[in-house]
Amino acid sequence: MEQLMRDFFLFLSKNKTLTKLAKKYGLRFGASRFVAGETIERAVEVIKDLNKKGLAVTIDYLGEFVDNAKEANEMADNSIEAIRAIGREKLNSQLSLKMTSMGLDISDELVMQNMRRILDAAKENGVFVTIDMEDYSRCQKTLDIFKQLKKEYDNVGTVLQAYLYRTESDIEDLKDYHPNLRLVKGAYKESQEVAFPEKKDVDDNFKKIIKMHLLNGNYTAVATHDDAIIEYTKQLVKEYNIPNDQFEFQMLYGIRPERQEQLVREGYTMRVYVPYGTDWYGYFMRRLAERPANVAFVIKGILRK
């Protein structure tokens, strides 16, 4: 049943008609739990509140199904606006983005132009930028562009997904770039030809790549809500005397906030992924797909209205 629900919500996340309706009618039906708001001003207020609790942040202006240069340029402009807000307000925040929203599916020239604009603004404002990983079909192209940008900029990292068979070799391939990587389990529906179908295998691979990347001496963001993975990481860094400034934990805004604050109290860097914007629908559907408890929360919210 849980797998059926996951597949259902992942299917809904790619529905362009529903995405347009969600943009039109705004944040409703529980989405505001996971999305900071529709404007940068609202997102800044959320970040300030999180920073006061000792939580670091990475902010993401949401956008999906970008299929023309005008919209891609506007998405880049919004990311630059967020970067300048971080600098102006002196927020403890980084920026995350999806390269499809910057023109990845349109042309190499467009996406590189927008990425360089963003990274120039980020460098000027002292902001680090993480390139989110998307589905498998875009994985290699994303890594190729990351490698090119890493030769030009120090303030850029990317994401690797534990559920892909290829990720162990990607860790090895990238190690000489000394990359700052966010390691995640993975949230897209992929074929068994390219991804582990069983949760146990994904978890085992997750632990393997966390250890590989940390022992390579590179900065590691362990993005998980799974206590078993968190405890594994704690024991690993203790065993190998890895300093706390070489890694951090990351979680999503609205999910397990008490655990986030507990990790801060324990002395770990805890970064919260804070999305905002009008194009929130696909992101919201993937959050519902990940955890059945999220669906129950939304239903309760609707019934209260």
C-alpha atoms as a PDB file:
ATOM      1  CA  MET A   1       0.000   0.000   0.000  1.00  0.00           C
ATOM      2  CA  GLU A   2       2.795   2.402   0.908  1.00  0.00           C
ATOM      3  CA  GLN A   3       4.519   1.806  -2.439  1.00  0.00           C
ATOM      4  CA  LEU A   4       1.240   2.412  -4.286  1.00  0.00           C
ATOM      5  CA  MET A   5       0.811   5.742  -2.500  1.00  0.00           C
ATOM      6  CA  ARG A   6       4.386   6.696  -3.320  1.00  0.00           C
ATOM      7  CA  ASP A   7       3.934   5.881  -7.003  1.00  0.00           C
ATOM      8  CA  PHE A   8       0.621   7.760  -7.073  1.00  0.00           C
ATOM      9  CA  PHE A   9       2.059  10.978  -5.660  1.00  0.00           C
ATOM     10  CA  LEU A  10       5.156  10.768  -7.857  1.00  0.00           C
ATOM     11  CA  PHE A  11       2.824  10.441 -10.850  1.00  0.00           C
ATOM     12  CA  LEU A  12       0.858  13.506  -9.705  1.00  0.00           C
ATOM     13  CA  SER A  13       4.098  15.487  -9.213  1.00  0.00           C
ATOM     14  CA  LYS A  14       4.687  15.446 -12.988  1.00  0.00           C
ATOM     15  CA  ASN A  15       1.191  16.620 -13.956  1.00  0.00           C
ATOM     16  CA  LYS A  16       1.559  19.978 -15.711  1.00  0.00           C
ATOM     17  CA  THR A  17      -2.145  20.842 -15.506  1.00  0.00           C
ATOM     18  CA  LEU A  18      -2.206  20.407 -11.735  1.00  0.00           C
ATOM     19  CA  THR A  19       1.036  22.396 -11.480  1.00  0.00           C
ATOM     20  CA  LYS A  20      -0.630  25.330 -13.257  1.00  0.00           C
ATOM     21  CA  LEU A  21      -3.697  25.113 -11.003  1.00  0.00           C
ATOM     22  CA  ALA A  22      -1.485  25.091  -7.913  1.00  0.00           C
ATOM     23  CA  LYS A  23       0.296  28.252  -9.103  1.00  0.00           C
ATOM     24  CA  LYS A  24      -3.066  29.915  -9.650  1.00  0.00           C
ATOM     25  CA  TYR A  25      -4.653  29.078  -6.302  1.00  0.00           C
ATOM     26  CA  GLY A  26      -1.623  29.393  -4.032  1.00  0.00           C
ATOM     27  CA  LEU A  27      -0.411  27.473  -1.001  1.00  0.00           C
ATOM     28  CA  ARG A  28      -3.307  25.440   0.344  1.00  0.00           C
ATOM     29  CA  PHE A  29      -4.150  21.980   1.707  1.00  0.00           C
ATOM     30  CA  GLY A  30      -1.141  21.736   4.007  1.00  0.00           C
ATOM     31  CA  ALA A  31       1.609  22.745   1.564  1.00  0.00           C
ATOM     32  CA  SER A  32       2.549  25.717   3.740  1.00  0.00           C
ATOM     33  CA  ARG A  33       4.001  23.258   6.247  1.00  0.00           C
ATOM     34  CA  PHE A  34       6.750  22.363   3.757  1.00  0.00           C
ATOM     35  CA  VAL A  35       7.051  25.593   1.708  1.00  0.00           C
ATOM     36  CA  ALA A  36       8.120  28.845   3.381  1.00  0.00           C
ATOM     37  CA  GLY A  37       5.884  31.063   1.269  1.00  0.00           C
ATOM     38  CA  GLU A  38       5.514  32.477  -2.209  1.00  0.00           C
ATOM     39  CA  THR A  39       7.857  35.509  -1.900  1.00  0.00           C
ATOM     40  CA  ILE A  40      11.471  36.103  -0.933  1.00  0.00           C
ATOM     41  CA  GLU A  41      10.283  38.474   1.790  1.00  0.00           C
ATOM     42  CA  ARG A  42       8.322  35.700   3.484  1.00  0.00           C
ATOM     43  CA  ALA A  43      11.211  33.259   3.039  1.00  0.00           C
ATOM     44  CA  VAL A  44      13.615  35.723   4.685  1.00  0.00           C
ATOM     45  CA  GLU A  45      11.392  35.878   7.765  1.00  0.00           C
ATOM     46  CA  VAL A  46      11.338  32.066   7.974  1.00  0.00           C
ATOM     47  CA  ILE A  47      15.136  31.919   7.647  1.00  0.00           C
ATOM     48  CA  LYS A  48      15.597  34.499  10.396  1.00  0.00           C
ATOM     49  CA  ASP A  49      13.449  32.411  12.734  1.00  0.00           C
ATOM     50  CA  LEU A  50      15.436  29.261  11.926  1.00  0.00           C
ATOM     51  CA  ASN A  51      18.763  31.053  12.345  1.00  0.00           C
ATOM     52  CA  LYS A  52      17.680  32.247  15.805  1.00  0.00           C
ATOM     53  CA  LYS A  53      17.322  28.566  16.765  1.00  0.00           C
ATOM     54  CA  GLY A  54      20.877  27.861  15.621  1.00  0.00           C
ATOM     55  CA  LEU A  55      19.804  26.245  12.357  1.00  0.00           C
ATOM     56  CA  ALA A  56      21.637  26.914   9.109  1.00  0.00           C
ATOM     57  CA  VAL A  57      19.556  27.070   5.911  1.00  0.00           C
ATOM     58  CA  THR A  58      19.697  26.458   2.201  1.00  0.00           C
ATOM     59  CA  ILE A  59      17.002  28.293   0.255  1.00  0.00           C
ATOM     60  CA  ASP A  60      15.468  27.197  -3.046  1.00  0.00           C
ATOM     61  CA  TYR A  61      13.225  29.178  -5.376  1.00  0.00           C
ATOM     62  CA  LEU A  62      10.968  26.411  -6.662  1.00  0.00           C
ATOM     63  CA  GLY A  63      10.442  25.864 -10.358  1.00  0.00           C
ATOM     64  CA  GLU A  64       9.666  22.931 -12.653  1.00  0.00           C
ATOM     65  CA  PHE A  65       8.775  22.322 -16.324  1.00  0.00           C
ATOM     66  CA  VAL A  66      10.781  25.325 -17.571  1.00  0.00           C
ATOM     67  CA  ASP A  67      10.758  24.991 -21.346  1.00  0.00           C
ATOM     68  CA  ASN A  68      11.641  28.439 -22.702  1.00  0.00           C
ATOM     69  CA  ALA A  69      14.561  30.832 -22.341  1.00  0.00           C
ATOM     70  CA  LYS A  70      12.502  33.700 -20.958  1.00  0.00           C
ATOM     71  CA  GLU A  71      11.258  31.655 -18.021  1.00  0.00           C
ATOM     72  CA  ALA A  72      14.715  30.166 -17.393  1.00  0.00           C
ATOM     73  CA  ASN A  73      16.211  33.656 -17.249  1.00  0.00           C
ATOM     74  CA  GLU A  74      13.470  34.732 -14.843  1.00  0.00           C
ATOM     75  CA  MET A  75      14.236  31.731 -12.628  1.00  0.00           C
ATOM     76  CA  ALA A  76      17.895  32.731 -12.584  1.00  0.00           C
ATOM     77  CA  ASP A  77      16.898  36.311 -11.720  1.00  0.00           C
ATOM     78  CA  ASN A  78      14.889  35.009  -8.756  1.00  0.00           C
ATOM     79  CA  SER A  79      17.865  32.983  -7.531  1.00  0.00           C
ATOM     80  CA  ILE A  80      20.057  36.088  -7.756  1.00  0.00           C
ATOM     81  CA  GLU A  81      17.421  38.039  -5.839  1.00  0.00           C
ATOM     82  CA  ALA A  82      17.550  35.381  -3.105  1.00  0.00           C
ATOM     83  CA  ILE A  83      21.355  35.530  -3.001  1.00  0.00           C
ATOM     84  CA  ARG A  84      21.292  39.302  -2.586  1.00  0.00           C
ATOM     85  CA  ALA A  85      18.686  38.993   0.172  1.00  0.00           C
ATOM     86  CA  ILE A  86      20.951  36.529   1.993  1.00  0.00           C
ATOM     87  CA  GLY A  87      23.854  38.945   1.720  1.00  0.00           C
ATOM     88  CA  ARG A  88      21.838  42.044   2.609  1.00  0.00           C
ATOM     89  CA  GLU A  89      20.166  40.459   5.646  1.00  0.00           C
ATOM     90  CA  LYS A  90      23.364  38.634   6.687  1.00  0.00           C
ATOM     91  CA  LEU A  91      21.501  35.331   6.870  1.00  0.00           C
ATOM     92  CA  ASN A  92      23.134  32.000   7.647  1.00  0.00           C
ATOM     93  CA  SER A  93      21.928  30.544   4.375  1.00  0.00           C
ATOM     94  CA  GLN A  94      23.113  28.956   1.176  1.00  0.00           C
ATOM     95  CA  LEU A  95      21.228  28.586  -2.123  1.00  0.00           C
ATOM     96  CA  SER A  96      20.004  25.408  -3.809  1.00  0.00           C
ATOM     97  CA  LEU A  97      18.700  25.200  -7.369  1.00  0.00           C
ATOM     98  CA  LYS A  98      17.651  22.795 -10.097  1.00  0.00           C
ATOM     99  CA  MET A  99      19.423  23.252 -13.402  1.00  0.00           C
ATOM    100  CA  THR A 100      16.309  22.306 -15.371  1.00  0.00           C
ATOM    101  CA  SER A 101      14.847  25.570 -14.064  1.00  0.00           C
ATOM    102  CA  MET A 102      17.928  27.371 -15.439  1.00  0.00           C
ATOM    103  CA  GLY A 103      17.549  25.963 -18.948  1.00  0.00           C
ATOM    104  CA  LEU A 104      19.247  22.546 -18.770  1.00  0.00           C
ATOM    105  CA  ASP A 105      16.696  21.007 -21.149  1.00  0.00           C
ATOM    106  CA  ILE A 106      16.792  23.971 -23.531  1.00  0.00           C
ATOM    107  CA  SER A 107      20.460  24.547 -24.381  1.00  0.00           C
ATOM    108  CA  ASP A 108      23.925  24.178 -22.875  1.00  0.00           C
ATOM    109  CA  GLU A 109      24.664  27.814 -23.649  1.00  0.00           C
ATOM    110  CA  LEU A 110      21.605  29.048 -21.745  1.00  0.00           C
ATOM    111  CA  VAL A 111      22.136  26.947 -18.624  1.00  0.00           C
ATOM    112  CA  MET A 112      25.840  27.854 -18.424  1.00  0.00           C
ATOM    113  CA  GLN A 113      25.070  31.535 -18.896  1.00  0.00           C
ATOM    114  CA  ASN A 114      22.514  31.454 -16.070  1.00  0.00           C
ATOM    115  CA  MET A 115      24.715  29.374 -13.774  1.00  0.00           C
ATOM    116  CA  ARG A 116      27.638  31.758 -14.199  1.00  0.00           C
ATOM    117  CA  ARG A 117      25.373  34.741 -13.491  1.00  0.00           C
ATOM    118  CA  ILE A 118      24.180  33.074 -10.301  1.00  0.00           C
ATOM    119  CA  LEU A 119      27.630  31.978  -9.149  1.00  0.00           C
ATOM    120  CA  ASP A 120      29.103  35.433  -9.809  1.00  0.00           C
ATOM    121  CA  ALA A 121      26.386  36.985  -7.625  1.00  0.00           C
ATOM    122  CA  ALA A 122      26.900  34.284  -4.996  1.00  0.00           C
ATOM    123  CA  LYS A 123      30.653  34.883  -4.919  1.00  0.00           C
ATOM    124  CA  GLU A 124      30.072  38.610  -4.491  1.00  0.00           C
ATOM    125  CA  ASN A 125      27.735  37.964  -1.537  1.00  0.00           C
ATOM    126  CA  GLY A 126      29.661  35.104   0.072  1.00  0.00           C
ATOM    127  CA  VAL A 127      26.943  32.523  -0.651  1.00  0.00           C
ATOM    128  CA  PHE A 128      27.497  28.846  -1.425  1.00  0.00           C
ATOM    129  CA  VAL A 129      25.348  27.262  -4.178  1.00  0.00           C
ATOM    130  CA  THR A 130      24.301  23.598  -4.379  1.00  0.00           C
ATOM    131  CA  ILE A 131      23.119  22.157  -7.690  1.00  0.00           C
ATOM    132  CA  ASP A 132      20.308  19.722  -6.883  1.00  0.00           C
ATOM    133  CA  MET A 133      20.303  16.357  -8.604  1.00  0.00           C
ATOM    134  CA  GLU A 134      17.183  15.501 -10.584  1.00  0.00           C
ATOM    135  CA  ASP A 135      16.114  12.287 -12.311  1.00  0.00           C
ATOM    136  CA  TYR A 136      18.515   9.733 -13.759  1.00  0.00           C
ATOM    137  CA  SER A 137      18.178  10.981 -17.348  1.00  0.00           C
ATOM    138  CA  ARG A 138      19.812  14.263 -16.303  1.00  0.00           C
ATOM    139  CA  CYS A 139      22.413  12.861 -13.918  1.00  0.00           C
ATOM    140  CA  GLN A 140      25.447  12.690 -16.222  1.00  0.00           C
ATOM    141  CA  LYS A 141      24.784  16.073 -17.797  1.00  0.00           C
ATOM    142  CA  THR A 142      24.414  17.642 -14.349  1.00  0.00           C
ATOM    143  CA  LEU A 143      27.746  16.191 -13.220  1.00  0.00           C
ATOM    144  CA  ASP A 144      29.497  17.264 -16.432  1.00  0.00           C
ATOM    145  CA  ILE A 145      28.340  20.851 -15.919  1.00  0.00           C
ATOM    146  CA  PHE A 146      29.253  20.720 -12.233  1.00  0.00           C
ATOM    147  CA  LYS A 147      32.803  19.666 -13.116  1.00  0.00           C
ATOM    148  CA  GLN A 148      33.135  22.556 -15.537  1.00  0.00           C
ATOM    149  CA  LEU A 149      31.796  25.073 -13.023  1.00  0.00           C
ATOM    150  CA  LYS A 150      33.974  23.671 -10.224  1.00  0.00           C
ATOM    151  CA  LYS A 151      37.037  24.560 -12.302  1.00  0.00           C
ATOM    152  CA  GLU A 152      35.838  28.173 -12.348  1.00  0.00           C
ATOM    153  CA  TYR A 153      34.202  28.596  -8.923  1.00  0.00           C
ATOM    154  CA  ASP A 154      34.909  27.468  -5.374  1.00  0.00           C
ATOM    155  CA  ASN A 155      31.392  28.225  -4.112  1.00  0.00           C
ATOM    156  CA  VAL A 156      29.519  25.412  -5.862  1.00  0.00           C
ATOM    157  CA  GLY A 157      28.562  21.863  -4.868  1.00  0.00           C
ATOM    158  CA  THR A 158      26.111  19.229  -6.030  1.00  0.00           C
ATOM    159  CA  VAL A 159      24.085  16.211  -4.913  1.00  0.00           C
ATOM    160  CA  LEU A 160      24.485  12.453  -5.294  1.00  0.00           C
ATOM    161  CA  GLN A 161      21.698   9.918  -4.743  1.00  0.00           C
ATOM    162  CA  ALA A 162      22.248   6.668  -2.841  1.00  0.00           C
ATOM    163  CA  TYR A 163      19.570   4.735  -4.723  1.00  0.00           C
ATOM    164  CA  LEU A 164      21.493   4.857  -8.017  1.00  0.00           C
ATOM    165  CA  TYR A 165      23.898   2.022  -8.813  1.00  0.00           C
ATOM    166  CA  ARG A 166      26.352   4.501 -10.350  1.00  0.00           C
ATOM    167  CA  THR A 167      26.821   6.693  -7.284  1.00  0.00           C
ATOM    168  CA  GLU A 168      29.769   4.821  -5.783  1.00  0.00           C
ATOM    169  CA  SER A 169      31.738   5.307  -9.008  1.00  0.00           C
ATOM    170  CA  ASP A 170      30.616   8.959  -9.146  1.00  0.00           C
ATOM    171  CA  ILE A 171      32.100   9.523  -5.666  1.00  0.00           C
ATOM    172  CA  GLU A 172      35.375   8.077  -6.904  1.00  0.00           C
ATOM    173  CA  ASP A 173      35.262  10.077 -10.142  1.00  0.00           C
ATOM    174  CA  LEU A 174      34.640  13.378  -8.344  1.00  0.00           C
ATOM    175  CA  LYS A 175      37.076  13.037  -5.448  1.00  0.00           C
ATOM    176  CA  ASP A 176      39.923  14.939  -7.133  1.00  0.00           C
ATOM    177  CA  TYR A 177      37.609  17.949  -7.498  1.00  0.00           C
ATOM    178  CA  HIS A 178      37.374  18.030  -3.660  1.00  0.00           C
ATOM    179  CA  PRO A 179      33.634  18.569  -3.944  1.00  0.00           C
ATOM    180  CA  ASN A 180      31.184  19.681  -1.287  1.00  0.00           C
ATOM    181  CA  LEU A 181      28.454  17.069  -1.791  1.00  0.00           C
ATOM    182  CA  ARG A 182      24.981  16.643  -0.382  1.00  0.00           C
ATOM    183  CA  LEU A 183      24.293  12.903  -0.125  1.00  0.00           C
ATOM    184  CA  VAL A 184      20.642  11.824  -0.243  1.00  0.00           C
ATOM    185  CA  LYS A 185      18.660   8.610  -0.680  1.00  0.00           C
ATOM    186  CA  GLY A 186      16.821   9.921  -3.777  1.00  0.00           C
ATOM    187  CA  ALA A 187      13.217  10.993  -4.358  1.00  0.00           C
ATOM    188  CA  TYR A 188      12.452  10.202  -8.003  1.00  0.00           C
ATOM    189  CA  LYS A 189      10.841   7.068  -9.412  1.00  0.00           C
ATOM    190  CA  GLU A 190      13.576   5.215 -11.305  1.00  0.00           C
ATOM    191  CA  SER A 191      13.837   1.928 -13.161  1.00  0.00           C
ATOM    192  CA  GLN A 192      15.366  -1.107 -11.479  1.00  0.00           C
ATOM    193  CA  GLU A 193      17.880  -1.005 -14.316  1.00  0.00           C
ATOM    194  CA  VAL A 194      19.519   2.075 -12.782  1.00  0.00           C
ATOM    195  CA  ALA A 195      18.417   2.142  -9.119  1.00  0.00           C
ATOM    196  CA  PHE A 196      18.203  -0.208  -6.149  1.00  0.00           C
ATOM    197  CA  PRO A 197      14.564  -1.289  -5.779  1.00  0.00           C
ATOM    198  CA  GLU A 198      14.861  -2.386  -2.132  1.00  0.00           C
ATOM    199  CA  LYS A 199      15.110   0.055   0.788  1.00  0.00           C
ATOM    200  CA  LYS A 200      17.743  -2.021   2.587  1.00  0.00           C
ATOM    201  CA  ASP A 201      20.061  -1.860  -0.418  1.00  0.00           C
ATOM    202  CA  VAL A 202      19.562   1.891  -0.683  1.00  0.00           C
ATOM    203  CA  ASP A 203      20.348   2.307   3.027  1.00  0.00           C
ATOM    204  CA  ASP A 204      23.477   0.152   2.729  1.00  0.00           C
ATOM    205  CA  ASN A 205      24.679   2.147  -0.261  1.00  0.00           C
ATOM    206  CA  PHE A 206      23.920   5.400   1.549  1.00  0.00           C
ATOM    207  CA  LYS A 207      26.200   4.364   4.413  1.00  0.00           C
ATOM    208  CA  LYS A 208      28.869   3.272   1.941  1.00  0.00           C
ATOM    209  CA  ILE A 209      28.979   6.583   0.068  1.00  0.00           C
ATOM    210  CA  ILE A 210      28.905   8.640   3.291  1.00  0.00           C
ATOM    211  CA  LYS A 211      31.984   6.757   4.488  1.00  0.00           C
ATOM    212  CA  MET A 212      33.738   7.023   1.110  1.00  0.00           C
ATOM    213  CA  HIS A 213      33.231  10.760   0.799  1.00  0.00           C
ATOM    214  CA  LEU A 214      34.187  11.541   4.396  1.00  0.00           C
ATOM    215  CA  LEU A 215      37.330   9.406   4.234  1.00  0.00           C
ATOM    216  CA  ASN A 216      38.275  11.134   0.981  1.00  0.00           C
ATOM    217  CA  GLY A 217      38.549  14.237   3.193  1.00  0.00           C
ATOM    218  CA  ASN A 218      35.764  16.136   1.438  1.00  0.00           C
ATOM    219  CA  TYR A 219      32.897  18.114   2.954  1.00  0.00           C
ATOM    220  CA  THR A 220      29.825  15.950   3.363  1.00  0.00           C
ATOM    221  CA  ALA A 221      26.220  17.027   3.861  1.00  0.00           C
ATOM    222  CA  VAL A 222      24.223  14.027   5.061  1.00  0.00           C
ATOM    223  CA  ALA A 223      20.652  14.833   4.060  1.00  0.00           C
ATOM    224  CA  THR A 224      18.307  12.453   5.859  1.00  0.00           C
ATOM    225  CA  HIS A 225      15.473  12.181   8.364  1.00  0.00           C
ATOM    226  CA  ASP A 226      16.439   8.582   9.128  1.00  0.00           C
ATOM    227  CA  ASP A 227      17.741   8.161  12.681  1.00  0.00           C
ATOM    228  CA  ALA A 228      19.679   5.034  11.713  1.00  0.00           C
ATOM    229  CA  ILE A 229      21.676   6.986   9.102  1.00  0.00           C
ATOM    230  CA  ILE A 230      22.199   9.882  11.520  1.00  0.00           C
ATOM    231  CA  GLU A 231      23.522   7.558  14.229  1.00  0.00           C
ATOM    232  CA  TYR A 232      25.720   5.749  11.694  1.00  0.00           C
ATOM    233  CA  THR A 233      27.285   9.073  10.701  1.00  0.00           C
ATOM    234  CA  LYS A 234      27.878  10.064  14.325  1.00  0.00           C
ATOM    235  CA  GLN A 235      29.659   6.793  15.036  1.00  0.00           C
ATOM    236  CA  LEU A 236      31.658   6.986  11.812  1.00  0.00           C
ATOM    237  CA  VAL A 237      33.052  10.472  12.466  1.00  0.00           C
ATOM    238  CA  LYS A 238      33.882   9.454  16.047  1.00  0.00           C
ATOM    239  CA  GLU A 239      35.689   6.299  14.915  1.00  0.00           C
ATOM    240  CA  TYR A 240      37.793   8.105  12.320  1.00  0.00           C
ATOM    241  CA  ASN A 241      38.268  11.364  14.269  1.00  0.00           C
ATOM    242  CA  ILE A 242      36.577  13.405  11.544  1.00  0.00           C
ATOM    243  CA  PRO A 243      36.116  17.014  12.694  1.00  0.00           C
ATOM    244  CA  ASN A 244      32.634  18.483  12.970  1.00  0.00           C
ATOM    245  CA  ASP A 245      33.512  21.191  10.430  1.00  0.00           C
ATOM    246  CA  GLN A 246      33.880  18.536   7.683  1.00  0.00           C
ATOM    247  CA  PHE A 247      30.236  17.494   7.669  1.00  0.00           C
ATOM    248  CA  GLU A 248      26.698  18.558   8.464  1.00  0.00           C
ATOM    249  CA  PHE A 249      23.216  17.114   8.657  1.00  0.00           C
ATOM    250  CA  GLN A 250      20.417  18.412   6.434  1.00  0.00           C
ATOM    251  CA  MET A 251      16.657  18.037   6.662  1.00  0.00           C
ATOM    252  CA  LEU A 252      13.621  19.487   4.931  1.00  0.00           C
ATOM    253  CA  TYR A 253      11.675  22.447   6.269  1.00  0.00           C
ATOM    254  CA  GLY A 254       8.599  21.243   8.129  1.00  0.00           C
ATOM    255  CA  ILE A 255       9.811  17.702   8.742  1.00  0.00           C
ATOM    256  CA  ARG A 256      11.096  16.653  12.186  1.00  0.00           C
ATOM    257  CA  PRO A 257      11.827  20.186  13.489  1.00  0.00           C
ATOM    258  CA  GLU A 258      12.334  18.874  17.045  1.00  0.00           C
ATOM    259  CA  ARG A 259      15.050  16.488  15.807  1.00  0.00           C
ATOM    260  CA  GLN A 260      16.689  19.333  13.906  1.00  0.00           C
ATOM    261  CA  GLU A 261      16.953  21.445  17.055  1.00  0.00           C
ATOM    262  CA  GLN A 262      18.203  18.468  19.054  1.00  0.00           C
ATOM    263  CA  LEU A 263      21.115  17.992  16.629  1.00  0.00           C
ATOM    264  CA  VAL A 264      22.015  21.662  17.074  1.00  0.00           C
ATOM    265  CA  ARG A 265      22.052  21.205  20.850  1.00  0.00           C
ATOM    266  CA  GLU A 266      24.369  18.223  20.384  1.00  0.00           C
ATOM    267  CA  GLY A 267      26.852  20.499  18.620  1.00  0.00           C
ATOM    268  CA  TYR A 268      26.301  19.479  14.995  1.00  0.00           C
ATOM    269  CA  THR A 269      25.742  21.769  12.033  1.00  0.00           C
ATOM    270  CA  MET A 270      22.118  21.264  11.029  1.00  0.00           C
ATOM    271  CA  ARG A 271      20.967  22.834   7.745  1.00  0.00           C
ATOM    272  CA  VAL A 272      17.299  23.148   6.796  1.00  0.00           C
ATOM    273  CA  TYR A 273      16.262  23.050   3.130  1.00  0.00           C
ATOM    274  CA  VAL A 274      13.740  25.911   2.786  1.00  0.00           C
ATOM    275  CA  PRO A 275      11.819  26.104  -0.509  1.00  0.00           C
ATOM    276  CA  TYR A 276       9.648  29.054  -1.526  1.00  0.00           C
ATOM    277  CA  GLY A 277       7.831  30.366  -4.587  1.00  0.00           C
ATOM    278  CA  THR A 278       4.579  29.852  -6.488  1.00  0.00           C
ATOM    279  CA  ASP A 279       5.734  26.702  -8.337  1.00  0.00           C
ATOM    280  CA  TRP A 280       5.499  24.506  -5.224  1.00  0.00           C
ATOM    281  CA  TYR A 281       3.230  21.718  -6.443  1.00  0.00           C
ATOM    282  CA  GLY A 282       5.783  19.157  -7.716  1.00  0.00           C
ATOM    283  CA  TYR A 283       7.938  19.562  -4.633  1.00  0.00           C
ATOM    284  CA  PHE A 284       4.908  19.143  -2.358  1.00  0.00           C
ATOM    285  CA  MET A 285       3.790  15.950  -4.123  1.00  0.00           C
ATOM    286  CA  ARG A 286       7.255  14.414  -3.709  1.00  0.00           C
ATOM    287  CA  ARG A 287       7.156  15.181   0.026  1.00  0.00           C
ATOM    288  CA  LEU A 288       3.814  13.371   0.263  1.00  0.00           C
ATOM    289  CA  ALA A 289       5.293  10.443  -1.662  1.00  0.00           C
ATOM    290  CA  GLU A 290       8.215  10.124   0.734  1.00  0.00           C
ATOM    291  CA  ARG A 291       6.329   9.797   4.005  1.00  0.00           C
ATOM    292  CA  PRO A 292       2.757   8.518   4.573  1.00  0.00           C
ATOM    293  CA  ALA A 293       2.692  10.589   7.787  1.00  0.00           C
ATOM    294  CA  ASN A 294       2.814  13.707   5.613  1.00  0.00           C
ATOM    295  CA  VAL A 295      -0.397  12.627   3.873  1.00  0.00           C
ATOM    296  CA  ALA A 296      -2.130  12.157   7.212  1.00  0.00           C
ATOM    297  CA  PHE A 297      -1.055  15.643   8.267  1.00  0.00           C
ATOM    298  CA  VAL A 298      -2.511  17.195   5.118  1.00  0.00           C
ATOM    299  CA  ILE A 299      -5.832  15.315   5.475  1.00  0.00           C
ATOM    300  CA  LYS A 300      -6.156  16.541   9.077  1.00  0.00           C
ATOM    301  CA  GLY A 301      -5.486  20.081   7.874  1.00  0.00           C
ATOM    302  CA  ILE A 302      -8.194  19.857   5.230  1.00  0.00           C
ATOM    303  CA  LEU A 303     -10.741  18.460   7.675  1.00  0.00           C
ATOM    304  CA  ARG A 304     -10.113  21.368  10.033  1.00  0.00           C
ATOM    305  CA  LYS A 305     -11.021  23.923   7.361  1.00  0.00           C
END
